[in-house]
Amino acid sequence: MARPRKPLLSTDRIVGAARALVDAEGLAAVSTRRLAAELGVSGPSLYNHFRTKDQILEAVADSVSAQVDLSMFDADDPRDWRTALHDWAVSYRAALREHPNIVPVLAQGPGRRPAGLRLADAVFGSMTDAGWPPAQATSIGALMRYFVMGSALGSFAGGFVDDETAYDPADYPHLGQAHLLAERQDVVDDRAFETGLAALLDGLSMQYEQLVAAAH
């Protein structure tokens, strides 16, 4: 039997192509017709794997969630809850920064997506195991998601143009160095993320100490 000229169509292959398309051109670029062309197949053949564009985007979103490291929440991992949250947030942000265009889909919540639900389950379970009440553990998972996703939606430093004349000191007396931010984008944004993350964790640590003290 002659070998097929093209790789067989699979769910993973469709998701990979859709993810690359979202990364390169955004959510609006994804359609069954465009994906079929990218994959070199007929449009109807995609329906054997996905019935709608929304299902494809959900699968792309879940493939990004699956890239987030959850090992810090394993029962045998020695990291305490604060360190685990920090390391998870760093991994979470790294995954989203690689695929920022899918963040609006992820921001809708995990829905029925398996990797997204595993992520939520790991965070909640780790926090309750550490002694946080369920309601507060839920809030911690939510606030961390808000913070990480917000940081991945865009660059603060990248929002300033590298033209010194754009910041007339007569109008913006405190923005004399703003034109330098764009070229230092990664440094500025990474420092801002770590500053915000430390502030969040410091606040949670204070609450945790009060929780422990009240229990004794």
C-alpha atoms as a PDB file:
ATOM      1  CA  MET A   1       0.000   0.000   0.000  1.00  0.00           C
ATOM      2  CA  ALA A   2       1.298   3.438  -0.911  1.00  0.00           C
ATOM      3  CA  ARG A   3       2.052   5.727   2.019  1.00  0.00           C
ATOM      4  CA  PRO A   4      -0.122   8.867   2.291  1.00  0.00           C
ATOM      5  CA  ARG A   5       1.477  12.012   0.929  1.00  0.00           C
ATOM      6  CA  LYS A   6       0.310  14.156   3.842  1.00  0.00           C
ATOM      7  CA  PRO A   7       0.319  13.398   7.585  1.00  0.00           C
ATOM      8  CA  LEU A   8      -2.964  11.993   8.783  1.00  0.00           C
ATOM      9  CA  LEU A   9      -5.304  14.587  10.219  1.00  0.00           C
ATOM     10  CA  SER A  10      -5.513  14.426  14.010  1.00  0.00           C
ATOM     11  CA  THR A  11      -6.905  16.522  16.827  1.00  0.00           C
ATOM     12  CA  ASP A  12      -3.386  17.457  17.949  1.00  0.00           C
ATOM     13  CA  ARG A  13      -2.413  18.516  14.445  1.00  0.00           C
ATOM     14  CA  ILE A  14      -5.499  20.724  14.104  1.00  0.00           C
ATOM     15  CA  VAL A  15      -4.920  22.311  17.503  1.00  0.00           C
ATOM     16  CA  GLY A  16      -1.257  22.939  16.710  1.00  0.00           C
ATOM     17  CA  ALA A  17      -2.121  24.643  13.441  1.00  0.00           C
ATOM     18  CA  ALA A  18      -4.863  26.708  15.070  1.00  0.00           C
ATOM     19  CA  ARG A  19      -2.544  27.751  17.891  1.00  0.00           C
ATOM     20  CA  ALA A  20       0.105  28.889  15.413  1.00  0.00           C
ATOM     21  CA  LEU A  21      -2.537  30.857  13.529  1.00  0.00           C
ATOM     22  CA  VAL A  22      -3.817  32.525  16.701  1.00  0.00           C
ATOM     23  CA  ASP A  23      -0.256  33.382  17.738  1.00  0.00           C
ATOM     24  CA  ALA A  24       0.548  34.912  14.370  1.00  0.00           C
ATOM     25  CA  GLU A  25      -2.684  36.666  13.435  1.00  0.00           C
ATOM     26  CA  GLY A  26      -5.108  36.636  16.367  1.00  0.00           C
ATOM     27  CA  LEU A  27      -8.422  34.974  17.133  1.00  0.00           C
ATOM     28  CA  ALA A  28     -10.243  36.481  14.155  1.00  0.00           C
ATOM     29  CA  ALA A  29      -7.930  34.690  11.727  1.00  0.00           C
ATOM     30  CA  VAL A  30      -9.204  31.261  12.745  1.00  0.00           C
ATOM     31  CA  SER A  31     -11.868  29.700  10.574  1.00  0.00           C
ATOM     32  CA  THR A  32     -12.472  26.169   9.389  1.00  0.00           C
ATOM     33  CA  ARG A  33     -11.735  27.228   5.825  1.00  0.00           C
ATOM     34  CA  ARG A  34      -8.437  28.870   6.777  1.00  0.00           C
ATOM     35  CA  LEU A  35      -7.394  25.941   8.954  1.00  0.00           C
ATOM     36  CA  ALA A  36      -8.232  23.451   6.239  1.00  0.00           C
ATOM     37  CA  ALA A  37      -6.053  25.403   3.829  1.00  0.00           C
ATOM     38  CA  GLU A  38      -3.187  25.533   6.333  1.00  0.00           C
ATOM     39  CA  LEU A  39      -3.439  21.779   6.890  1.00  0.00           C
ATOM     40  CA  GLY A  40      -3.912  20.910   3.228  1.00  0.00           C
ATOM     41  CA  VAL A  41      -7.234  19.147   3.783  1.00  0.00           C
ATOM     42  CA  SER A  42     -10.870  19.729   2.906  1.00  0.00           C
ATOM     43  CA  GLY A  43     -12.990  21.800   5.249  1.00  0.00           C
ATOM     44  CA  PRO A  44     -15.512  19.056   6.051  1.00  0.00           C
ATOM     45  CA  SER A  45     -12.732  16.757   7.282  1.00  0.00           C
ATOM     46  CA  LEU A  46     -12.241  19.058  10.285  1.00  0.00           C
ATOM     47  CA  TYR A  47     -15.772  18.320  11.451  1.00  0.00           C
ATOM     48  CA  ASN A  48     -14.733  14.784  12.317  1.00  0.00           C
ATOM     49  CA  HIS A  49     -12.737  16.372  15.166  1.00  0.00           C
ATOM     50  CA  PHE A  50     -14.414  19.731  15.907  1.00  0.00           C
ATOM     51  CA  ARG A  51     -17.931  20.854  15.124  1.00  0.00           C
ATOM     52  CA  THR A  52     -17.374  24.606  15.501  1.00  0.00           C
ATOM     53  CA  LYS A  53     -14.695  27.281  15.522  1.00  0.00           C
ATOM     54  CA  ASP A  54     -15.408  27.884  19.210  1.00  0.00           C
ATOM     55  CA  GLN A  55     -14.558  24.269  19.998  1.00  0.00           C
ATOM     56  CA  ILE A  56     -11.237  24.696  18.192  1.00  0.00           C
ATOM     57  CA  LEU A  57     -10.425  27.833  20.174  1.00  0.00           C
ATOM     58  CA  GLU A  58     -11.367  26.080  23.409  1.00  0.00           C
ATOM     59  CA  ALA A  59      -8.936  23.305  22.531  1.00  0.00           C
ATOM     60  CA  VAL A  60      -6.203  25.828  21.726  1.00  0.00           C
ATOM     61  CA  ALA A  61      -6.790  27.527  25.074  1.00  0.00           C
ATOM     62  CA  ASP A  62      -6.568  24.213  26.890  1.00  0.00           C
ATOM     63  CA  SER A  63      -3.345  23.319  25.099  1.00  0.00           C
ATOM     64  CA  VAL A  64      -1.831  26.503  26.541  1.00  0.00           C
ATOM     65  CA  SER A  65      -3.126  25.704  30.038  1.00  0.00           C
ATOM     66  CA  ALA A  66      -1.439  22.314  29.703  1.00  0.00           C
ATOM     67  CA  GLN A  67       1.927  24.076  29.368  1.00  0.00           C
ATOM     68  CA  VAL A  68       1.701  25.491  32.900  1.00  0.00           C
ATOM     69  CA  ASP A  69       3.840  23.689  35.468  1.00  0.00           C
ATOM     70  CA  LEU A  70       1.770  22.235  38.321  1.00  0.00           C
ATOM     71  CA  SER A  71       4.485  20.110  39.951  1.00  0.00           C
ATOM     72  CA  MET A  72       4.742  22.522  42.896  1.00  0.00           C
ATOM     73  CA  PHE A  73       1.276  21.414  43.986  1.00  0.00           C
ATOM     74  CA  ASP A  74       2.146  17.699  44.117  1.00  0.00           C
ATOM     75  CA  ALA A  75       1.672  16.141  47.538  1.00  0.00           C
ATOM     76  CA  ASP A  76       5.345  15.144  47.745  1.00  0.00           C
ATOM     77  CA  ASP A  77       6.698  18.538  46.642  1.00  0.00           C
ATOM     78  CA  PRO A  78       8.531  20.279  49.523  1.00  0.00           C
ATOM     79  CA  ARG A  79       7.552  23.838  48.577  1.00  0.00           C
ATOM     80  CA  ASP A  80       5.248  25.670  50.999  1.00  0.00           C
ATOM     81  CA  TRP A  81       2.026  27.263  49.777  1.00  0.00           C
ATOM     82  CA  ARG A  82       3.581  30.707  49.226  1.00  0.00           C
ATOM     83  CA  THR A  83       6.527  29.400  47.198  1.00  0.00           C
ATOM     84  CA  ALA A  84       4.200  27.119  45.254  1.00  0.00           C
ATOM     85  CA  LEU A  85       1.938  30.033  44.326  1.00  0.00           C
ATOM     86  CA  HIS A  86       4.946  32.113  43.273  1.00  0.00           C
ATOM     87  CA  ASP A  87       6.462  29.406  41.085  1.00  0.00           C
ATOM     88  CA  TRP A  88       3.099  28.540  39.560  1.00  0.00           C
ATOM     89  CA  ALA A  89       2.376  32.197  38.755  1.00  0.00           C
ATOM     90  CA  VAL A  90       5.755  32.548  37.026  1.00  0.00           C
ATOM     91  CA  SER A  91       5.109  29.433  34.925  1.00  0.00           C
ATOM     92  CA  TYR A  92       1.538  30.530  34.184  1.00  0.00           C
ATOM     93  CA  ARG A  93       2.678  33.954  33.002  1.00  0.00           C
ATOM     94  CA  ALA A  94       5.421  32.425  30.848  1.00  0.00           C
ATOM     95  CA  ALA A  95       2.876  30.216  29.054  1.00  0.00           C
ATOM     96  CA  LEU A  96       0.509  33.127  28.458  1.00  0.00           C
ATOM     97  CA  ARG A  97       3.286  35.426  27.249  1.00  0.00           C
ATOM     98  CA  GLU A  98       4.105  32.850  24.595  1.00  0.00           C
ATOM     99  CA  HIS A  99       0.468  32.873  23.438  1.00  0.00           C
ATOM    100  CA  PRO A 100      -1.051  36.263  24.424  1.00  0.00           C
ATOM    101  CA  ASN A 101      -3.734  36.227  21.733  1.00  0.00           C
ATOM    102  CA  ILE A 102      -5.523  33.280  23.356  1.00  0.00           C
ATOM    103  CA  VAL A 103      -5.780  35.022  26.749  1.00  0.00           C
ATOM    104  CA  PRO A 104      -9.306  36.413  26.077  1.00  0.00           C
ATOM    105  CA  VAL A 105     -10.560  32.833  25.671  1.00  0.00           C
ATOM    106  CA  LEU A 106      -8.738  31.662  28.797  1.00  0.00           C
ATOM    107  CA  ALA A 107     -10.141  34.617  30.722  1.00  0.00           C
ATOM    108  CA  GLN A 108     -13.654  33.202  30.299  1.00  0.00           C
ATOM    109  CA  GLY A 109     -12.745  30.485  32.804  1.00  0.00           C
ATOM    110  CA  PRO A 110     -11.968  26.780  32.459  1.00  0.00           C
ATOM    111  CA  GLY A 111     -15.489  25.694  31.528  1.00  0.00           C
ATOM    112  CA  ARG A 112     -15.133  22.010  30.615  1.00  0.00           C
ATOM    113  CA  ARG A 113     -11.503  22.195  29.494  1.00  0.00           C
ATOM    114  CA  PRO A 114      -9.542  19.337  31.152  1.00  0.00           C
ATOM    115  CA  ALA A 115      -6.169  21.094  31.563  1.00  0.00           C
ATOM    116  CA  GLY A 116      -7.846  24.251  32.828  1.00  0.00           C
ATOM    117  CA  LEU A 117      -9.834  22.246  35.365  1.00  0.00           C
ATOM    118  CA  ARG A 118      -6.707  20.367  36.490  1.00  0.00           C
ATOM    119  CA  LEU A 119      -5.025  23.726  37.043  1.00  0.00           C
ATOM    120  CA  ALA A 120      -7.934  25.066  39.113  1.00  0.00           C
ATOM    121  CA  ASP A 121      -8.154  21.827  41.074  1.00  0.00           C
ATOM    122  CA  ALA A 122      -4.416  21.828  41.847  1.00  0.00           C
ATOM    123  CA  VAL A 123      -4.408  25.406  43.141  1.00  0.00           C
ATOM    124  CA  PHE A 124      -7.558  25.018  45.229  1.00  0.00           C
ATOM    125  CA  GLY A 125      -6.483  21.667  46.645  1.00  0.00           C
ATOM    126  CA  SER A 126      -3.047  22.930  47.573  1.00  0.00           C
ATOM    127  CA  MET A 127      -4.451  25.965  49.356  1.00  0.00           C
ATOM    128  CA  THR A 128      -7.010  23.982  51.362  1.00  0.00           C
ATOM    129  CA  ASP A 129      -4.356  21.388  52.234  1.00  0.00           C
ATOM    130  CA  ALA A 130      -2.225  24.254  53.571  1.00  0.00           C
ATOM    131  CA  GLY A 131      -5.047  25.267  55.886  1.00  0.00           C
ATOM    132  CA  TRP A 132      -6.845  27.987  53.965  1.00  0.00           C
ATOM    133  CA  PRO A 133     -10.647  27.806  54.335  1.00  0.00           C
ATOM    134  CA  PRO A 134     -12.379  26.848  51.075  1.00  0.00           C
ATOM    135  CA  ALA A 135     -13.861  30.312  50.514  1.00  0.00           C
ATOM    136  CA  GLN A 136     -10.477  31.994  50.874  1.00  0.00           C
ATOM    137  CA  ALA A 137      -8.786  29.324  48.768  1.00  0.00           C
ATOM    138  CA  THR A 138     -11.295  30.117  46.021  1.00  0.00           C
ATOM    139  CA  SER A 139     -10.497  33.827  46.316  1.00  0.00           C
ATOM    140  CA  ILE A 140      -6.769  33.121  46.116  1.00  0.00           C
ATOM    141  CA  GLY A 141      -7.184  31.144  42.911  1.00  0.00           C
ATOM    142  CA  ALA A 142      -9.316  33.917  41.428  1.00  0.00           C
ATOM    143  CA  LEU A 143      -7.047  36.818  42.374  1.00  0.00           C
ATOM    144  CA  MET A 144      -3.947  35.024  41.106  1.00  0.00           C
ATOM    145  CA  ARG A 145      -5.685  34.341  37.796  1.00  0.00           C
ATOM    146  CA  TYR A 146      -6.715  37.997  37.480  1.00  0.00           C
ATOM    147  CA  PHE A 147      -3.181  39.157  38.194  1.00  0.00           C
ATOM    148  CA  VAL A 148      -1.393  36.742  35.869  1.00  0.00           C
ATOM    149  CA  MET A 149      -3.816  37.151  32.981  1.00  0.00           C
ATOM    150  CA  GLY A 150      -3.763  40.924  33.299  1.00  0.00           C
ATOM    151  CA  SER A 151       0.016  40.918  33.106  1.00  0.00           C
ATOM    152  CA  ALA A 152      -0.106  38.796  29.962  1.00  0.00           C
ATOM    153  CA  LEU A 153      -2.607  40.928  28.061  1.00  0.00           C
ATOM    154  CA  GLY A 154      -0.088  43.591  27.164  1.00  0.00           C
ATOM    155  CA  SER A 155       3.147  45.328  28.030  1.00  0.00           C
ATOM    156  CA  PHE A 156       3.154  48.462  30.177  1.00  0.00           C
ATOM    157  CA  ALA A 157       6.597  49.503  28.953  1.00  0.00           C
ATOM    158  CA  GLY A 158       5.781  48.606  25.355  1.00  0.00           C
ATOM    159  CA  GLY A 159       2.913  51.072  25.413  1.00  0.00           C
ATOM    160  CA  PHE A 160       5.284  54.051  25.314  1.00  0.00           C
ATOM    161  CA  VAL A 161       6.799  55.187  22.021  1.00  0.00           C
ATOM    162  CA  ASP A 162      10.576  55.546  21.725  1.00  0.00           C
ATOM    163  CA  ASP A 163      10.287  59.163  20.522  1.00  0.00           C
ATOM    164  CA  GLU A 164      11.488  61.720  23.063  1.00  0.00           C
ATOM    165  CA  THR A 165       9.494  64.489  21.367  1.00  0.00           C
ATOM    166  CA  ALA A 166       6.235  62.713  22.236  1.00  0.00           C
ATOM    167  CA  TYR A 167       6.703  63.679  25.872  1.00  0.00           C
ATOM    168  CA  ASP A 168       6.855  67.470  25.952  1.00  0.00           C
ATOM    169  CA  PRO A 169       7.893  68.416  29.506  1.00  0.00           C
ATOM    170  CA  ALA A 170       5.422  71.300  29.370  1.00  0.00           C
ATOM    171  CA  ASP A 171       2.615  68.769  29.128  1.00  0.00           C
ATOM    172  CA  TYR A 172       4.159  65.744  30.868  1.00  0.00           C
ATOM    173  CA  PRO A 173       6.727  67.023  33.372  1.00  0.00           C
ATOM    174  CA  HIS A 174       7.314  63.572  34.889  1.00  0.00           C
ATOM    175  CA  LEU A 175       7.722  61.547  31.671  1.00  0.00           C
ATOM    176  CA  GLY A 176      11.123  62.793  30.556  1.00  0.00           C
ATOM    177  CA  GLN A 177      12.512  59.242  30.436  1.00  0.00           C
ATOM    178  CA  ALA A 178       9.376  57.518  29.113  1.00  0.00           C
ATOM    179  CA  HIS A 179      10.838  57.159  25.624  1.00  0.00           C
ATOM    180  CA  LEU A 180      13.402  54.733  27.069  1.00  0.00           C
ATOM    181  CA  LEU A 181      10.813  52.284  28.375  1.00  0.00           C
ATOM    182  CA  ALA A 182      10.138  50.496  25.083  1.00  0.00           C
ATOM    183  CA  GLU A 183      13.733  49.344  24.652  1.00  0.00           C
ATOM    184  CA  ARG A 184      13.744  48.061  28.257  1.00  0.00           C
ATOM    185  CA  GLN A 185      10.370  46.393  27.928  1.00  0.00           C
ATOM    186  CA  ASP A 186      11.270  42.942  29.238  1.00  0.00           C
ATOM    187  CA  VAL A 187      13.197  44.269  32.234  1.00  0.00           C
ATOM    188  CA  VAL A 188      10.493  46.758  33.195  1.00  0.00           C
ATOM    189  CA  ASP A 189       7.611  44.320  32.748  1.00  0.00           C
ATOM    190  CA  ASP A 190       9.380  41.462  34.563  1.00  0.00           C
ATOM    191  CA  ARG A 191      10.225  43.736  37.480  1.00  0.00           C
ATOM    192  CA  ALA A 192       6.653  45.008  37.643  1.00  0.00           C
ATOM    193  CA  PHE A 193       5.315  41.441  37.662  1.00  0.00           C
ATOM    194  CA  GLU A 194       7.649  40.337  40.443  1.00  0.00           C
ATOM    195  CA  THR A 195       6.853  43.488  42.464  1.00  0.00           C
ATOM    196  CA  GLY A 196       3.120  42.894  42.179  1.00  0.00           C
ATOM    197  CA  LEU A 197       3.439  39.180  42.866  1.00  0.00           C
ATOM    198  CA  ALA A 198       5.536  39.796  45.987  1.00  0.00           C
ATOM    199  CA  ALA A 199       2.985  42.340  47.230  1.00  0.00           C
ATOM    200  CA  LEU A 200       0.135  39.862  46.710  1.00  0.00           C
ATOM    201  CA  LEU A 201       1.982  37.064  48.475  1.00  0.00           C
ATOM    202  CA  ASP A 202       3.044  39.339  51.339  1.00  0.00           C
ATOM    203  CA  GLY A 203      -0.574  40.294  51.878  1.00  0.00           C
ATOM    204  CA  LEU A 204      -1.699  36.670  51.778  1.00  0.00           C
ATOM    205  CA  SER A 205       1.062  35.697  54.215  1.00  0.00           C
ATOM    206  CA  MET A 206      -0.209  38.290  56.693  1.00  0.00           C
ATOM    207  CA  GLN A 207      -3.718  36.885  56.381  1.00  0.00           C
ATOM    208  CA  TYR A 208      -2.395  33.362  56.824  1.00  0.00           C
ATOM    209  CA  GLU A 209      -0.541  34.305  60.020  1.00  0.00           C
ATOM    210  CA  GLN A 210      -3.755  35.783  61.386  1.00  0.00           C
ATOM    211  CA  LEU A 211      -5.598  32.626  60.415  1.00  0.00           C
ATOM    212  CA  VAL A 212      -3.085  30.421  62.210  1.00  0.00           C
ATOM    213  CA  ALA A 213      -3.077  32.654  65.296  1.00  0.00           C
ATOM    214  CA  ALA A 214      -6.867  32.582  65.494  1.00  0.00           C
ATOM    215  CA  ALA A 215      -6.849  28.787  65.374  1.00  0.00           C
ATOM    216  CA  HIS A 216      -4.646  28.537  68.479  1.00  0.00           C
END
